[in-house]
Amino acid sequence: MAKLSMKEISMKYEKKLILEDLDLEVKHGELLVLLGESGCGKTTLLKIVAGIIQPEQGTIYVDKTDISNLSPQVRQIGYVPQAQ
């Protein structure tokens, strides 16, 4: 049963801090909703989990395996952006 854990995730664009020391755990079978205003970091967080972008700091685990430095292809985590 896979568990996704994020520890101390931080990300900024230029000088704007988007995510700061975020800790999050999603257990197998749990449903997670990311809700917030535009620019608060929802898409950034999903792209970090999928490996599309790298955070400034922090670690991502699936179960107890650190996947932070794995490519998106190896992670096998899907991300489907909203149509523009």
C-alpha atoms as a PDB file:
ATOM      1  CA  MET A   1       0.000   0.000   0.000  1.00  0.00           C
ATOM      2  CA  ALA A   2       1.709   3.136  -1.257  1.00  0.00           C
ATOM      3  CA  LYS A   3       1.926   6.258   0.806  1.00  0.00           C
ATOM      4  CA  LEU A   4       3.029   9.629  -0.549  1.00  0.00           C
ATOM      5  CA  SER A   5       4.949  11.816   1.891  1.00  0.00           C
ATOM      6  CA  MET A   6       6.450  15.249   1.390  1.00  0.00           C
ATOM      7  CA  LYS A   7       8.839  16.714   3.936  1.00  0.00           C
ATOM      8  CA  GLU A   8       9.881  20.369   4.163  1.00  0.00           C
ATOM      9  CA  ILE A   9       9.008  21.218   0.545  1.00  0.00           C
ATOM     10  CA  SER A  10       9.810  24.814  -0.391  1.00  0.00           C
ATOM     11  CA  MET A  11       9.575  26.523  -3.760  1.00  0.00           C
ATOM     12  CA  LYS A  12       9.842  30.059  -5.036  1.00  0.00           C
ATOM     13  CA  TYR A  13       9.529  31.713  -8.412  1.00  0.00           C
ATOM     14  CA  GLU A  14      11.953  34.574  -8.816  1.00  0.00           C
ATOM     15  CA  LYS A  15      11.702  36.129  -5.341  1.00  0.00           C
ATOM     16  CA  LYS A  16       8.128  35.061  -4.514  1.00  0.00           C
ATOM     17  CA  LEU A  17       7.885  32.193  -2.017  1.00  0.00           C
ATOM     18  CA  ILE A  18       5.120  29.835  -3.165  1.00  0.00           C
ATOM     19  CA  LEU A  19       5.585  26.864  -0.807  1.00  0.00           C
ATOM     20  CA  GLU A  20       7.428  27.030   2.512  1.00  0.00           C
ATOM     21  CA  ASP A  21       8.424  23.973   4.573  1.00  0.00           C
ATOM     22  CA  LEU A  22       5.343  22.017   3.484  1.00  0.00           C
ATOM     23  CA  ASP A  23       4.822  18.613   5.101  1.00  0.00           C
ATOM     24  CA  LEU A  24       2.073  16.411   3.663  1.00  0.00           C
ATOM     25  CA  GLU A  25       1.166  12.741   3.875  1.00  0.00           C
ATOM     26  CA  VAL A  26      -1.393  10.939   1.730  1.00  0.00           C
ATOM     27  CA  LYS A  27      -2.085   7.324   2.642  1.00  0.00           C
ATOM     28  CA  HIS A  28      -3.161   4.617   0.211  1.00  0.00           C
ATOM     29  CA  GLY A  29      -6.838   5.019  -0.638  1.00  0.00           C
ATOM     30  CA  GLU A  30      -7.130   8.562   0.709  1.00  0.00           C
ATOM     31  CA  LEU A  31      -8.595  11.320  -1.414  1.00  0.00           C
ATOM     32  CA  LEU A  32      -6.838  14.685  -1.381  1.00  0.00           C
ATOM     33  CA  VAL A  33      -8.259  17.957  -2.673  1.00  0.00           C
ATOM     34  CA  LEU A  34      -6.004  20.969  -3.238  1.00  0.00           C
ATOM     35  CA  LEU A  35      -8.109  24.094  -2.996  1.00  0.00           C
ATOM     36  CA  GLY A  36      -6.913  27.673  -2.984  1.00  0.00           C
ATOM     37  CA  GLU A  37      -6.733  30.963  -4.794  1.00  0.00           C
ATOM     38  CA  SER A  38      -4.789  31.480  -7.977  1.00  0.00           C
ATOM     39  CA  GLY A  39      -1.035  31.507  -7.413  1.00  0.00           C
ATOM     40  CA  CYS A  40      -1.045  29.781  -4.015  1.00  0.00           C
ATOM     41  CA  GLY A  41       0.986  26.753  -5.184  1.00  0.00           C
ATOM     42  CA  LYS A  42      -1.530  24.033  -6.091  1.00  0.00           C
ATOM     43  CA  THR A  43      -0.147  23.370  -9.575  1.00  0.00           C
ATOM     44  CA  THR A  44       3.418  23.850  -8.373  1.00  0.00           C
ATOM     45  CA  LEU A  45       2.922  21.143  -5.741  1.00  0.00           C
ATOM     46  CA  LEU A  46       1.479  18.702  -8.286  1.00  0.00           C
ATOM     47  CA  LYS A  47       4.353  19.364 -10.697  1.00  0.00           C
ATOM     48  CA  ILE A  48       6.856  18.758  -7.895  1.00  0.00           C
ATOM     49  CA  VAL A  49       5.236  15.421  -6.996  1.00  0.00           C
ATOM     50  CA  ALA A  50       5.232  14.359 -10.659  1.00  0.00           C
ATOM     51  CA  GLY A  51       8.885  15.378 -11.056  1.00  0.00           C
ATOM     52  CA  ILE A  52       8.194  18.015 -13.702  1.00  0.00           C
ATOM     53  CA  ILE A  53       9.897  20.668 -11.570  1.00  0.00           C
ATOM     54  CA  GLN A  54      12.306  20.386  -8.644  1.00  0.00           C
ATOM     55  CA  PRO A  55      11.643  22.132  -5.328  1.00  0.00           C
ATOM     56  CA  GLU A  56      14.165  24.511  -3.786  1.00  0.00           C
ATOM     57  CA  GLN A  57      14.343  22.096  -0.856  1.00  0.00           C
ATOM     58  CA  GLY A  58      12.546  19.100   0.558  1.00  0.00           C
ATOM     59  CA  THR A  59      12.118  15.387   0.028  1.00  0.00           C
ATOM     60  CA  ILE A  60       9.361  13.295  -1.557  1.00  0.00           C
ATOM     61  CA  TYR A  61       8.779   9.677  -0.575  1.00  0.00           C
ATOM     62  CA  VAL A  62       6.595   6.896  -1.913  1.00  0.00           C
ATOM     63  CA  ASP A  63       6.343   4.499   0.974  1.00  0.00           C
ATOM     64  CA  LYS A  64       9.842   4.905   2.427  1.00  0.00           C
ATOM     65  CA  THR A  65      11.637   5.351  -0.896  1.00  0.00           C
ATOM     66  CA  ASP A  66      13.032   8.800  -1.670  1.00  0.00           C
ATOM     67  CA  ILE A  67      11.862   9.675  -5.194  1.00  0.00           C
ATOM     68  CA  SER A  68      13.041  13.308  -5.106  1.00  0.00           C
ATOM     69  CA  ASN A  69      15.772  12.810  -7.712  1.00  0.00           C
ATOM     70  CA  LEU A  70      13.943  10.362  -9.973  1.00  0.00           C
ATOM     71  CA  SER A  71      12.820  11.456 -13.436  1.00  0.00           C
ATOM     72  CA  PRO A  72       9.091  11.831 -14.154  1.00  0.00           C
ATOM     73  CA  GLN A  73       9.204   8.668 -16.278  1.00  0.00           C
ATOM     74  CA  VAL A  74      10.608   6.574 -13.439  1.00  0.00           C
ATOM     75  CA  ARG A  75       8.182   8.034 -10.874  1.00  0.00           C
ATOM     76  CA  GLN A  76       5.168   6.957 -12.965  1.00  0.00           C
ATOM     77  CA  ILE A  77       2.969   9.611 -11.377  1.00  0.00           C
ATOM     78  CA  GLY A  78       0.392  11.108 -13.719  1.00  0.00           C
ATOM     79  CA  TYR A  79      -0.331  14.804 -14.052  1.00  0.00           C
ATOM     80  CA  VAL A  80      -3.065  16.075 -16.370  1.00  0.00           C
ATOM     81  CA  PRO A  81      -3.174  19.888 -16.570  1.00  0.00           C
ATOM     82  CA  GLN A  82      -6.358  21.839 -17.132  1.00  0.00           C
ATOM     83  CA  ALA A  83      -6.994  22.685 -20.780  1.00  0.00           C
ATOM     84  CA  GLN A  84      -6.001  26.233 -21.664  1.00  0.00           C
END
